[in-house]
Amino acid sequence: MANKSMSSGFNTDVTHRDRLFHIQTDDRGPAHPAIDTAVYQTGRVLFRKTLGYAQFTASPEFTPAWLRGRVAEHHRSVIEDLRAGLFDAEIAEAIENSVSGNGVRIELLNPGAWLSAGSVSLDVKVLRRTDGQPQPGAQVEASIEGAIEDVRHRGQSDDQGCAHIRFPLPPLGKGGLALVISARADGNSDEIRFSMRSRPKSSPPTAATEA
């Protein structure tokens, strides 16, 4: 039987209409067979395009090489479509929402020390975009995208907008990995991601936008 482990991902910086975007494509792995490409700016997702491949996994032609080719093709196609302006409307709307004062904004308060000795320790603050004040009661969720098992860890922001989430680092797949933190309050949401380029040891992974 062919080894059907997760394919590695791709990261590319692209300048379009005088704006710098980071394009990240990952295979979500056997538990969630899909290829996910996200368009970031300053660490926040502006646009996402996902392609499922569950229908191909039973085929004898489904190999790690085949999957990596599809991941690379998906990555290239999103870059080409971005440069062609096909996502301009969606990106403009996302940028407008991020600066219009509506919604919530996540901050990771310990970006240099959230991973230590095989444990994840997140100090998160959720702020209102309208006035920058703390958002109490926000539902905060964290997970390691690309882990062998998809486990989501949840918390709630207190009166100061702070949430503390702790969990052991789960067994990791072999491909693109990312720490994903999201928050939702009053129908508004925000998400930040940090790429994990290799199995971490003593130092934390770098932010996706720093690739």
N, C-alpha and C. Protein backbone atom coordinates (compact mmCIF):
# COMPACT_ATOMS: atom_id res chain seq x y z
N MET A 1 0.85 -1.20 0.00
CA MET A 1 0.00 0.00 0.00
C MET A 1 0.88 1.24 0.00
N ALA A 2 0.49 2.23 -0.75
CA ALA A 2 1.27 3.46 -0.82
C ALA A 2 1.17 4.22 0.49
N ASN A 3 2.26 4.91 0.82
CA ASN A 3 2.26 5.78 2.00
C ASN A 3 1.43 7.01 1.68
N LYS A 4 0.34 7.21 2.42
CA LYS A 4 -0.57 8.32 2.14
C LYS A 4 -0.48 9.40 3.20
N SER A 5 0.74 9.67 3.64
CA SER A 5 0.94 10.70 4.64
C SER A 5 0.76 12.07 4.02
N MET A 6 0.64 13.07 4.87
CA MET A 6 0.31 14.40 4.44
C MET A 6 1.42 15.00 3.59
N SER A 7 1.05 15.67 2.52
CA SER A 7 2.00 16.34 1.65
C SER A 7 2.45 17.64 2.29
N SER A 8 3.69 18.04 1.97
CA SER A 8 4.18 19.30 2.52
C SER A 8 3.53 20.47 1.79
N GLY A 9 3.66 21.67 2.38
CA GLY A 9 2.98 22.82 1.84
C GLY A 9 3.93 23.77 1.12
N PHE A 10 3.38 24.91 0.69
CA PHE A 10 4.12 25.90 -0.06
C PHE A 10 3.81 27.28 0.50
N ASN A 11 4.81 28.17 0.48
CA ASN A 11 4.66 29.54 0.95
C ASN A 11 5.30 30.49 -0.05
N THR A 12 4.55 31.52 -0.46
CA THR A 12 5.06 32.47 -1.46
C THR A 12 4.57 33.87 -1.11
N ASP A 13 5.47 34.85 -1.22
CA ASP A 13 5.08 36.25 -1.08
C ASP A 13 4.81 36.82 -2.46
N VAL A 14 3.68 37.50 -2.61
CA VAL A 14 3.25 38.04 -3.89
C VAL A 14 2.86 39.50 -3.71
N THR A 15 3.36 40.36 -4.60
CA THR A 15 2.95 41.76 -4.61
C THR A 15 1.91 41.96 -5.71
N HIS A 16 0.77 42.50 -5.32
CA HIS A 16 -0.32 42.74 -6.26
C HIS A 16 -0.96 44.07 -5.94
N ARG A 17 -1.03 44.94 -6.92
CA ARG A 17 -1.59 46.28 -6.75
C ARG A 17 -0.94 47.01 -5.57
N ASP A 18 0.40 46.92 -5.54
CA ASP A 18 1.22 47.60 -4.52
C ASP A 18 0.96 47.10 -3.11
N ARG A 19 0.38 45.92 -2.98
CA ARG A 19 0.18 45.31 -1.66
C ARG A 19 0.92 43.99 -1.62
N LEU A 20 1.55 43.71 -0.47
CA LEU A 20 2.27 42.45 -0.30
C LEU A 20 1.37 41.43 0.38
N PHE A 21 1.20 40.29 -0.27
CA PHE A 21 0.39 39.21 0.28
C PHE A 21 1.27 37.98 0.49
N HIS A 22 0.90 37.19 1.46
CA HIS A 22 1.57 35.90 1.68
C HIS A 22 0.58 34.79 1.34
N ILE A 23 0.99 33.90 0.46
CA ILE A 23 0.15 32.79 0.02
C ILE A 23 0.67 31.52 0.65
N GLN A 24 -0.17 30.83 1.39
CA GLN A 24 0.22 29.60 2.06
C GLN A 24 -0.74 28.48 1.68
N THR A 25 -0.17 27.38 1.20
CA THR A 25 -0.97 26.22 0.81
C THR A 25 -0.52 25.02 1.62
N ASP A 26 -1.48 24.31 2.19
CA ASP A 26 -1.20 23.13 3.01
C ASP A 26 -2.16 22.01 2.67
N ASP A 27 -1.68 20.81 2.82
CA ASP A 27 -2.54 19.63 2.80
C ASP A 27 -2.99 19.39 4.23
N ARG A 28 -4.27 19.31 4.46
CA ARG A 28 -4.78 19.15 5.83
C ARG A 28 -4.58 17.74 6.38
N GLY A 29 -4.24 16.80 5.54
CA GLY A 29 -3.91 15.47 6.02
C GLY A 29 -5.05 14.48 5.94
N PRO A 30 -4.76 13.21 6.28
CA PRO A 30 -5.73 12.13 6.11
C PRO A 30 -7.05 12.35 6.84
N ALA A 31 -7.00 12.97 8.02
CA ALA A 31 -8.23 13.17 8.79
C ALA A 31 -9.18 14.16 8.10
N HIS A 32 -8.62 15.09 7.34
CA HIS A 32 -9.42 16.10 6.63
C HIS A 32 -8.82 16.25 5.24
N PRO A 33 -9.12 15.34 4.32
CA PRO A 33 -8.47 15.35 3.01
C PRO A 33 -8.88 16.54 2.16
N ALA A 34 -8.12 17.61 2.29
CA ALA A 34 -8.39 18.82 1.53
C ALA A 34 -7.10 19.62 1.40
N ILE A 35 -6.99 20.33 0.30
CA ILE A 35 -5.87 21.24 0.06
C ILE A 35 -6.39 22.65 0.32
N ASP A 36 -5.73 23.36 1.21
CA ASP A 36 -6.21 24.67 1.65
C ASP A 36 -5.17 25.73 1.31
N THR A 37 -5.60 26.76 0.59
CA THR A 37 -4.73 27.90 0.29
C THR A 37 -5.33 29.15 0.90
N ALA A 38 -4.52 29.86 1.68
CA ALA A 38 -4.97 31.09 2.32
C ALA A 38 -4.12 32.26 1.85
N VAL A 39 -4.77 33.40 1.65
CA VAL A 39 -4.09 34.63 1.27
C VAL A 39 -4.06 35.52 2.51
N TYR A 40 -2.85 35.85 2.96
CA TYR A 40 -2.68 36.64 4.18
C TYR A 40 -2.16 38.03 3.87
N GLN A 41 -2.48 38.94 4.78
CA GLN A 41 -1.80 40.23 4.82
C GLN A 41 -1.66 40.61 6.28
N THR A 42 -0.43 40.89 6.70
CA THR A 42 -0.10 41.20 8.09
C THR A 42 -0.69 40.16 9.05
N GLY A 43 -0.58 38.89 8.67
CA GLY A 43 -0.95 37.80 9.57
C GLY A 43 -2.41 37.42 9.58
N ARG A 44 -3.25 38.09 8.82
CA ARG A 44 -4.68 37.78 8.83
C ARG A 44 -5.14 37.26 7.48
N VAL A 45 -6.06 36.32 7.56
CA VAL A 45 -6.57 35.69 6.35
C VAL A 45 -7.55 36.63 5.66
N LEU A 46 -7.26 36.95 4.40
CA LEU A 46 -8.17 37.78 3.61
C LEU A 46 -9.01 36.94 2.66
N PHE A 47 -8.49 35.81 2.24
CA PHE A 47 -9.20 34.97 1.27
C PHE A 47 -8.70 33.54 1.43
N ARG A 48 -9.59 32.59 1.24
CA ARG A 48 -9.22 31.17 1.36
C ARG A 48 -9.90 30.39 0.24
N LYS A 49 -9.16 29.46 -0.36
CA LYS A 49 -9.70 28.58 -1.38
C LYS A 49 -9.31 27.15 -1.02
N THR A 50 -10.30 26.26 -0.95
CA THR A 50 -10.08 24.89 -0.50
C THR A 50 -10.55 23.90 -1.55
N LEU A 51 -9.77 22.85 -1.74
CA LEU A 51 -10.09 21.80 -2.69
C LEU A 51 -10.05 20.45 -1.98
N GLY A 52 -11.17 19.76 -1.92
CA GLY A 52 -11.21 18.44 -1.30
C GLY A 52 -10.72 17.36 -2.25
N TYR A 53 -10.12 16.29 -1.67
CA TYR A 53 -9.65 15.20 -2.52
C TYR A 53 -10.04 13.82 -1.97
N ALA A 54 -11.05 13.78 -1.10
CA ALA A 54 -11.45 12.51 -0.51
C ALA A 54 -11.83 11.49 -1.57
N GLN A 55 -12.38 11.96 -2.69
CA GLN A 55 -12.84 11.04 -3.73
C GLN A 55 -11.70 10.32 -4.42
N PHE A 56 -10.45 10.78 -4.23
CA PHE A 56 -9.32 10.17 -4.91
C PHE A 56 -8.52 9.22 -4.03
N THR A 57 -8.77 9.22 -2.72
CA THR A 57 -7.88 8.50 -1.81
C THR A 57 -7.93 6.98 -1.99
N ALA A 58 -9.02 6.46 -2.52
CA ALA A 58 -9.12 5.01 -2.70
C ALA A 58 -8.48 4.54 -4.01
N SER A 59 -8.06 5.45 -4.85
CA SER A 59 -7.48 5.09 -6.13
C SER A 59 -6.05 4.60 -5.96
N PRO A 60 -5.64 3.59 -6.72
CA PRO A 60 -4.25 3.13 -6.66
C PRO A 60 -3.26 4.19 -7.14
N GLU A 61 -3.75 5.18 -7.87
CA GLU A 61 -2.89 6.26 -8.35
C GLU A 61 -2.67 7.34 -7.29
N PHE A 62 -3.36 7.23 -6.15
CA PHE A 62 -3.21 8.22 -5.08
C PHE A 62 -1.92 7.92 -4.31
N THR A 63 -0.89 8.68 -4.58
CA THR A 63 0.42 8.50 -3.96
C THR A 63 0.88 9.83 -3.39
N PRO A 64 1.89 9.83 -2.52
CA PRO A 64 2.43 11.10 -2.02
C PRO A 64 2.88 12.03 -3.14
N ALA A 65 3.46 11.45 -4.21
CA ALA A 65 3.91 12.29 -5.33
C ALA A 65 2.72 12.93 -6.04
N TRP A 66 1.65 12.16 -6.24
CA TRP A 66 0.45 12.70 -6.87
C TRP A 66 -0.13 13.83 -6.03
N LEU A 67 -0.20 13.61 -4.71
CA LEU A 67 -0.79 14.61 -3.83
C LEU A 67 0.06 15.87 -3.80
N ARG A 68 1.36 15.71 -3.73
CA ARG A 68 2.22 16.89 -3.72
C ARG A 68 2.05 17.69 -5.01
N GLY A 69 1.89 16.99 -6.12
CA GLY A 69 1.65 17.69 -7.38
C GLY A 69 0.36 18.49 -7.36
N ARG A 70 -0.69 17.93 -6.76
CA ARG A 70 -1.96 18.65 -6.68
C ARG A 70 -1.84 19.85 -5.75
N VAL A 71 -1.09 19.69 -4.64
CA VAL A 71 -0.88 20.82 -3.73
C VAL A 71 -0.15 21.94 -4.46
N ALA A 72 0.91 21.58 -5.20
CA ALA A 72 1.68 22.59 -5.94
C ALA A 72 0.82 23.27 -7.00
N GLU A 73 0.00 22.48 -7.69
CA GLU A 73 -0.88 23.04 -8.72
C GLU A 73 -1.90 24.01 -8.12
N HIS A 74 -2.47 23.63 -6.98
CA HIS A 74 -3.45 24.50 -6.32
C HIS A 74 -2.78 25.80 -5.88
N HIS A 75 -1.58 25.70 -5.35
CA HIS A 75 -0.83 26.88 -4.92
C HIS A 75 -0.58 27.82 -6.11
N ARG A 76 -0.11 27.26 -7.22
CA ARG A 76 0.17 28.07 -8.41
C ARG A 76 -1.09 28.73 -8.95
N SER A 77 -2.20 27.98 -8.95
CA SER A 77 -3.42 28.53 -9.54
C SER A 77 -3.95 29.71 -8.73
N VAL A 78 -3.84 29.64 -7.40
CA VAL A 78 -4.29 30.76 -6.57
C VAL A 78 -3.41 31.98 -6.80
N ILE A 79 -2.09 31.77 -6.92
CA ILE A 79 -1.19 32.89 -7.20
C ILE A 79 -1.54 33.54 -8.54
N GLU A 80 -1.76 32.71 -9.56
CA GLU A 80 -2.09 33.24 -10.89
C GLU A 80 -3.42 34.01 -10.87
N ASP A 81 -4.41 33.46 -10.15
CA ASP A 81 -5.71 34.13 -10.07
C ASP A 81 -5.61 35.43 -9.28
N LEU A 82 -4.77 35.43 -8.24
CA LEU A 82 -4.57 36.66 -7.47
C LEU A 82 -3.96 37.74 -8.36
N ARG A 83 -2.92 37.39 -9.11
CA ARG A 83 -2.25 38.35 -9.98
C ARG A 83 -3.18 38.83 -11.10
N ALA A 84 -4.12 37.96 -11.50
CA ALA A 84 -5.06 38.34 -12.55
C ALA A 84 -6.21 39.19 -12.02
N GLY A 85 -6.27 39.39 -10.72
CA GLY A 85 -7.30 40.24 -10.13
C GLY A 85 -8.61 39.55 -9.85
N LEU A 86 -8.63 38.20 -9.91
CA LEU A 86 -9.89 37.48 -9.73
C LEU A 86 -10.40 37.53 -8.30
N PHE A 87 -9.52 37.81 -7.34
CA PHE A 87 -9.93 37.86 -5.94
C PHE A 87 -10.02 39.29 -5.42
N ASP A 88 -9.91 40.27 -6.29
CA ASP A 88 -9.84 41.66 -5.83
C ASP A 88 -11.05 42.06 -5.00
N ALA A 89 -12.24 41.65 -5.41
CA ALA A 89 -13.45 42.05 -4.70
C ALA A 89 -13.48 41.45 -3.29
N GLU A 90 -13.17 40.16 -3.19
CA GLU A 90 -13.18 39.51 -1.88
C GLU A 90 -12.11 40.09 -0.96
N ILE A 91 -10.93 40.35 -1.51
CA ILE A 91 -9.85 40.91 -0.70
C ILE A 91 -10.17 42.33 -0.26
N ALA A 92 -10.73 43.13 -1.16
CA ALA A 92 -11.10 44.50 -0.80
C ALA A 92 -12.14 44.51 0.32
N GLU A 93 -13.10 43.60 0.24
CA GLU A 93 -14.11 43.52 1.30
C GLU A 93 -13.49 43.12 2.63
N ALA A 94 -12.57 42.15 2.59
CA ALA A 94 -11.92 41.70 3.83
C ALA A 94 -11.08 42.81 4.44
N ILE A 95 -10.36 43.56 3.59
CA ILE A 95 -9.55 44.67 4.10
C ILE A 95 -10.44 45.75 4.67
N GLU A 96 -11.54 46.04 4.01
CA GLU A 96 -12.47 47.05 4.50
C GLU A 96 -13.04 46.65 5.86
N ASN A 97 -13.39 45.39 5.99
CA ASN A 97 -13.92 44.93 7.28
C ASN A 97 -12.88 45.02 8.38
N SER A 98 -11.61 44.81 8.03
CA SER A 98 -10.56 44.80 9.04
C SER A 98 -10.24 46.20 9.55
N VAL A 99 -10.55 47.23 8.74
CA VAL A 99 -10.21 48.60 9.14
C VAL A 99 -11.44 49.46 9.40
N SER A 100 -12.61 48.91 9.20
CA SER A 100 -13.83 49.72 9.32
C SER A 100 -14.26 49.95 10.75
N GLY A 101 -13.63 49.26 11.68
CA GLY A 101 -14.02 49.42 13.07
C GLY A 101 -15.03 48.39 13.53
N ASN A 102 -15.47 47.51 12.64
CA ASN A 102 -16.42 46.48 13.03
C ASN A 102 -15.67 45.21 13.44
N GLY A 103 -16.30 44.44 14.29
CA GLY A 103 -15.76 43.13 14.61
C GLY A 103 -14.78 43.13 15.76
N VAL A 104 -14.00 42.03 15.82
CA VAL A 104 -13.04 41.83 16.90
C VAL A 104 -11.66 41.57 16.29
N ARG A 105 -10.65 41.71 17.14
CA ARG A 105 -9.27 41.51 16.72
C ARG A 105 -8.55 40.69 17.78
N ILE A 106 -7.78 39.69 17.34
CA ILE A 106 -7.05 38.82 18.25
C ILE A 106 -5.61 39.30 18.37
N GLU A 107 -5.06 39.25 19.57
CA GLU A 107 -3.64 39.44 19.80
C GLU A 107 -3.10 38.25 20.59
N LEU A 108 -1.99 37.69 20.16
CA LEU A 108 -1.30 36.67 20.94
C LEU A 108 -0.27 37.39 21.80
N LEU A 109 -0.43 37.34 23.12
CA LEU A 109 0.39 38.13 24.01
C LEU A 109 1.76 37.52 24.26
N ASN A 110 1.93 36.23 23.98
CA ASN A 110 3.22 35.58 24.20
C ASN A 110 3.72 34.91 22.92
N PRO A 111 3.90 35.69 21.84
CA PRO A 111 4.28 35.08 20.55
C PRO A 111 5.63 34.40 20.55
N GLY A 112 6.52 34.77 21.47
CA GLY A 112 7.84 34.16 21.51
C GLY A 112 7.97 33.03 22.50
N ALA A 113 6.89 32.70 23.19
CA ALA A 113 7.02 31.70 24.25
C ALA A 113 5.79 30.82 24.40
N TRP A 114 5.05 30.60 23.31
CA TRP A 114 3.82 29.83 23.45
C TRP A 114 4.04 28.33 23.39
N LEU A 115 5.25 27.91 23.00
CA LEU A 115 5.54 26.48 22.90
C LEU A 115 6.78 26.16 23.71
N SER A 116 6.63 25.24 24.66
CA SER A 116 7.75 24.88 25.52
C SER A 116 7.57 23.47 26.04
N ALA A 117 8.61 22.66 25.91
CA ALA A 117 8.64 21.30 26.46
C ALA A 117 7.42 20.48 26.03
N GLY A 118 7.04 20.62 24.77
CA GLY A 118 5.94 19.81 24.26
C GLY A 118 4.57 20.27 24.68
N SER A 119 4.46 21.47 25.23
CA SER A 119 3.16 21.99 25.66
C SER A 119 2.90 23.34 25.00
N VAL A 120 1.64 23.56 24.63
CA VAL A 120 1.21 24.83 24.05
C VAL A 120 0.54 25.64 25.14
N SER A 121 0.98 26.89 25.30
CA SER A 121 0.43 27.78 26.32
C SER A 121 0.15 29.12 25.66
N LEU A 122 -1.12 29.43 25.45
CA LEU A 122 -1.52 30.62 24.71
C LEU A 122 -2.14 31.66 25.62
N ASP A 123 -1.60 32.85 25.58
CA ASP A 123 -2.18 34.00 26.27
C ASP A 123 -2.74 34.92 25.18
N VAL A 124 -4.06 34.94 25.08
CA VAL A 124 -4.73 35.62 23.98
C VAL A 124 -5.54 36.79 24.51
N LYS A 125 -5.56 37.87 23.75
CA LYS A 125 -6.41 39.00 24.10
C LYS A 125 -7.30 39.31 22.91
N VAL A 126 -8.59 39.54 23.17
CA VAL A 126 -9.55 39.86 22.13
C VAL A 126 -10.03 41.30 22.35
N LEU A 127 -9.91 42.12 21.31
CA LEU A 127 -10.25 43.53 21.39
C LEU A 127 -11.35 43.88 20.40
N ARG A 128 -12.15 44.87 20.75
CA ARG A 128 -13.14 45.40 19.81
C ARG A 128 -12.43 46.30 18.81
N ARG A 129 -12.79 46.17 17.53
CA ARG A 129 -12.18 47.03 16.53
C ARG A 129 -12.69 48.47 16.63
N THR A 130 -13.88 48.65 17.17
CA THR A 130 -14.46 50.00 17.22
C THR A 130 -13.63 50.95 18.06
N ASP A 131 -13.18 50.49 19.22
CA ASP A 131 -12.48 51.39 20.13
C ASP A 131 -11.22 50.79 20.73
N GLY A 132 -10.88 49.55 20.33
CA GLY A 132 -9.67 48.92 20.85
C GLY A 132 -9.79 48.45 22.28
N GLN A 133 -11.00 48.45 22.81
CA GLN A 133 -11.20 48.02 24.20
C GLN A 133 -11.41 46.50 24.25
N PRO A 134 -11.17 45.91 25.44
CA PRO A 134 -11.32 44.46 25.58
C PRO A 134 -12.73 43.98 25.25
N GLN A 135 -12.79 42.82 24.64
CA GLN A 135 -14.07 42.18 24.31
C GLN A 135 -14.28 41.01 25.26
N PRO A 136 -15.12 41.18 26.26
CA PRO A 136 -15.39 40.05 27.17
C PRO A 136 -16.34 39.05 26.52
N GLY A 137 -16.27 37.81 26.98
CA GLY A 137 -17.21 36.78 26.54
C GLY A 137 -16.99 36.26 25.14
N ALA A 138 -15.84 36.57 24.52
CA ALA A 138 -15.57 36.05 23.18
C ALA A 138 -15.21 34.57 23.27
N GLN A 139 -15.68 33.78 22.31
CA GLN A 139 -15.36 32.36 22.24
C GLN A 139 -14.05 32.21 21.47
N VAL A 140 -13.03 31.71 22.14
CA VAL A 140 -11.70 31.58 21.56
C VAL A 140 -11.41 30.10 21.33
N GLU A 141 -10.83 29.81 20.18
CA GLU A 141 -10.55 28.42 19.81
C GLU A 141 -9.14 28.34 19.25
N ALA A 142 -8.41 27.28 19.62
CA ALA A 142 -7.05 27.08 19.12
C ALA A 142 -6.88 25.63 18.70
N SER A 143 -6.10 25.43 17.66
CA SER A 143 -5.81 24.08 17.19
C SER A 143 -4.51 24.08 16.42
N ILE A 144 -3.95 22.88 16.25
CA ILE A 144 -2.78 22.70 15.41
C ILE A 144 -3.25 22.10 14.10
N GLU A 145 -3.28 22.90 13.06
CA GLU A 145 -3.71 22.41 11.75
C GLU A 145 -2.61 21.52 11.17
N GLY A 146 -2.98 20.33 10.76
CA GLY A 146 -2.01 19.38 10.24
C GLY A 146 -1.59 18.34 11.25
N ALA A 147 -2.13 18.43 12.49
CA ALA A 147 -1.89 17.37 13.46
C ALA A 147 -2.58 16.09 13.00
N ILE A 148 -2.10 14.96 13.49
CA ILE A 148 -2.68 13.68 13.08
C ILE A 148 -4.16 13.62 13.43
N GLU A 149 -4.54 14.16 14.59
CA GLU A 149 -5.94 14.24 14.96
C GLU A 149 -6.35 15.70 15.10
N ASP A 150 -7.52 16.03 14.59
CA ASP A 150 -8.01 17.40 14.65
C ASP A 150 -8.73 17.61 15.98
N VAL A 151 -8.02 18.25 16.92
CA VAL A 151 -8.59 18.52 18.24
C VAL A 151 -8.58 20.03 18.44
N ARG A 152 -9.73 20.58 18.82
CA ARG A 152 -9.85 22.01 19.02
C ARG A 152 -10.00 22.32 20.51
N HIS A 153 -9.25 23.29 20.97
CA HIS A 153 -9.23 23.66 22.39
C HIS A 153 -9.88 25.03 22.53
N ARG A 154 -10.78 25.14 23.49
CA ARG A 154 -11.61 26.34 23.58
C ARG A 154 -11.45 27.06 24.91
N GLY A 155 -11.71 28.34 24.86
CA GLY A 155 -11.72 29.16 26.05
C GLY A 155 -12.63 30.35 25.83
N GLN A 156 -12.76 31.19 26.85
CA GLN A 156 -13.62 32.38 26.75
C GLN A 156 -12.89 33.56 27.36
N SER A 157 -12.96 34.70 26.69
CA SER A 157 -12.27 35.88 27.20
C SER A 157 -12.98 36.42 28.45
N ASP A 158 -12.16 36.91 29.38
CA ASP A 158 -12.70 37.44 30.63
C ASP A 158 -13.02 38.93 30.45
N ASP A 159 -13.26 39.61 31.57
CA ASP A 159 -13.63 41.03 31.51
C ASP A 159 -12.54 41.90 30.91
N GLN A 160 -11.29 41.41 30.93
CA GLN A 160 -10.17 42.15 30.34
C GLN A 160 -9.90 41.71 28.91
N GLY A 161 -10.78 40.86 28.37
CA GLY A 161 -10.60 40.37 27.01
C GLY A 161 -9.57 39.27 26.87
N CYS A 162 -9.10 38.73 28.01
CA CYS A 162 -8.02 37.74 27.98
C CYS A 162 -8.56 36.32 28.09
N ALA A 163 -7.92 35.43 27.37
CA ALA A 163 -8.23 34.00 27.45
C ALA A 163 -6.91 33.25 27.50
N HIS A 164 -6.88 32.20 28.30
CA HIS A 164 -5.68 31.39 28.47
C HIS A 164 -6.02 29.96 28.08
N ILE A 165 -5.32 29.44 27.09
CA ILE A 165 -5.58 28.09 26.59
C ILE A 165 -4.30 27.28 26.68
N ARG A 166 -4.39 26.11 27.31
CA ARG A 166 -3.24 25.24 27.51
C ARG A 166 -3.58 23.85 27.00
N PHE A 167 -2.65 23.24 26.28
CA PHE A 167 -2.85 21.85 25.85
C PHE A 167 -1.51 21.26 25.40
N PRO A 168 -1.36 19.95 25.50
CA PRO A 168 -0.12 19.32 25.05
C PRO A 168 -0.04 19.36 23.53
N LEU A 169 1.17 19.53 23.01
CA LEU A 169 1.36 19.51 21.56
C LEU A 169 0.99 18.13 21.05
N PRO A 170 0.04 18.04 20.12
CA PRO A 170 -0.41 16.73 19.65
C PRO A 170 0.60 16.11 18.67
N PRO A 171 0.48 14.81 18.40
CA PRO A 171 1.31 14.19 17.35
C PRO A 171 1.09 14.91 16.03
N LEU A 172 2.20 15.21 15.35
CA LEU A 172 2.14 16.02 14.15
C LEU A 172 2.27 15.19 12.89
N GLY A 173 1.63 15.66 11.82
CA GLY A 173 1.81 15.06 10.51
C GLY A 173 3.13 15.51 9.91
N LYS A 174 3.37 15.15 8.67
CA LYS A 174 4.65 15.41 8.03
C LYS A 174 4.63 16.61 7.10
N GLY A 175 3.48 17.24 6.93
CA GLY A 175 3.40 18.33 5.95
C GLY A 175 3.31 19.68 6.60
N GLY A 176 2.64 20.61 5.91
CA GLY A 176 2.49 21.97 6.42
C GLY A 176 1.68 21.99 7.70
N LEU A 177 2.21 22.63 8.72
CA LEU A 177 1.58 22.70 10.03
C LEU A 177 1.38 24.15 10.41
N ALA A 178 0.35 24.42 11.21
CA ALA A 178 0.11 25.79 11.63
C ALA A 178 -0.67 25.81 12.93
N LEU A 179 -0.32 26.74 13.81
CA LEU A 179 -1.14 27.07 14.96
C LEU A 179 -2.21 28.03 14.49
N VAL A 180 -3.47 27.71 14.76
CA VAL A 180 -4.59 28.55 14.33
C VAL A 180 -5.36 28.99 15.57
N ILE A 181 -5.55 30.29 15.71
CA ILE A 181 -6.32 30.85 16.82
C ILE A 181 -7.44 31.69 16.24
N SER A 182 -8.66 31.44 16.68
CA SER A 182 -9.80 32.21 16.21
C SER A 182 -10.62 32.70 17.39
N ALA A 183 -11.37 33.75 17.16
CA ALA A 183 -12.25 34.30 18.20
C ALA A 183 -13.54 34.76 17.55
N ARG A 184 -14.64 34.59 18.28
CA ARG A 184 -15.95 35.00 17.77
C ARG A 184 -16.74 35.66 18.90
N ALA A 185 -17.37 36.79 18.55
CA ALA A 185 -18.21 37.50 19.51
C ALA A 185 -19.23 38.33 18.76
N ASP A 186 -20.49 38.22 19.16
CA ASP A 186 -21.58 39.01 18.57
C ASP A 186 -21.63 38.88 17.05
N GLY A 187 -21.38 37.67 16.56
CA GLY A 187 -21.46 37.42 15.13
C GLY A 187 -20.23 37.83 14.34
N ASN A 188 -19.23 38.39 15.00
CA ASN A 188 -17.99 38.80 14.34
C ASN A 188 -16.88 37.83 14.71
N SER A 189 -15.89 37.71 13.83
CA SER A 189 -14.81 36.76 14.09
C SER A 189 -13.49 37.27 13.55
N ASP A 190 -12.41 36.69 14.05
CA ASP A 190 -11.07 36.98 13.57
C ASP A 190 -10.25 35.70 13.69
N GLU A 191 -9.20 35.61 12.89
CA GLU A 191 -8.34 34.42 12.92
C GLU A 191 -6.90 34.83 12.64
N ILE A 192 -5.97 34.25 13.40
CA ILE A 192 -4.56 34.43 13.12
C ILE A 192 -3.92 33.05 13.06
N ARG A 193 -2.83 32.95 12.29
CA ARG A 193 -2.16 31.67 12.08
C ARG A 193 -0.65 31.86 12.18
N PHE A 194 0.01 30.85 12.72
CA PHE A 194 1.47 30.84 12.79
C PHE A 194 1.96 29.55 12.15
N SER A 195 2.79 29.69 11.11
CA SER A 195 3.32 28.52 10.42
C SER A 195 4.28 27.74 11.31
N MET A 196 4.26 26.44 11.17
CA MET A 196 5.20 25.55 11.83
C MET A 196 5.93 24.82 10.72
N ARG A 197 7.11 25.31 10.37
CA ARG A 197 7.81 24.80 9.20
C ARG A 197 8.45 23.45 9.43
N SER A 198 8.74 23.14 10.68
CA SER A 198 9.34 21.85 11.01
C SER A 198 8.92 21.49 12.41
N ARG A 199 9.21 20.28 12.82
CA ARG A 199 8.85 19.88 14.18
C ARG A 199 9.60 20.75 15.16
N PRO A 200 8.88 21.50 16.01
CA PRO A 200 9.53 22.45 16.89
C PRO A 200 10.29 21.76 18.01
N LYS A 201 11.40 22.39 18.42
CA LYS A 201 12.19 21.88 19.54
C LYS A 201 12.14 22.91 20.66
N SER A 202 13.16 23.81 20.71
CA SER A 202 13.18 24.75 21.80
C SER A 202 12.64 26.11 21.42
N SER A 203 12.58 26.41 20.11
CA SER A 203 12.11 27.73 19.69
C SER A 203 10.77 27.63 19.03
N PRO A 204 9.93 28.68 19.13
CA PRO A 204 8.58 28.63 18.57
C PRO A 204 8.60 28.80 17.08
N PRO A 205 7.54 28.36 16.38
CA PRO A 205 7.43 28.58 14.94
C PRO A 205 7.29 30.06 14.65
N THR A 206 7.56 30.43 13.41
CA THR A 206 7.45 31.83 13.01
C THR A 206 6.06 32.09 12.45
N ALA A 207 5.68 33.36 12.47
CA ALA A 207 4.38 33.74 11.93
C ALA A 207 4.35 33.49 10.44
N ALA A 208 3.16 33.20 9.92
CA ALA A 208 3.03 32.87 8.51
C ALA A 208 3.52 34.00 7.63
N THR A 209 3.33 35.23 8.06
CA THR A 209 3.71 36.35 7.22
C THR A 209 5.21 36.58 7.21
N GLU A 210 5.97 35.87 8.02
CA GLU A 210 7.40 36.08 8.07
C GLU A 210 8.16 35.12 7.18
N ALA A 211 7.40 34.34 6.35
CA ALA A 211 8.07 33.37 5.49
C ALA A 211 8.89 34.09 4.43
